[in-house]
Amino acid sequence: MVMDYLWLFATAGGAFALGAAIVYAIMRQKPIPPAAKEAQKREIDRLYERPPESNTR
């Protein structure tokens, strides 16, 4: 009977710890400043405008 509660605690505790770690990581993320977001968008647009390089092997 005690072993059943031990496994329940271990399983539930592990799920809770994983969930808490995920929530903590999401809350710690900082939003990208507008200037960096615009620079990122310009760079992505520049990369997609370039024709693909041909790799002949």
Foldseek 3Di string as FASTA:
>chain_A
DVVVVVVVCVVVVVVVVVVVVVVVVVVPDDDDDPVVVVVVVVVVVVVVVDDDDDDDD
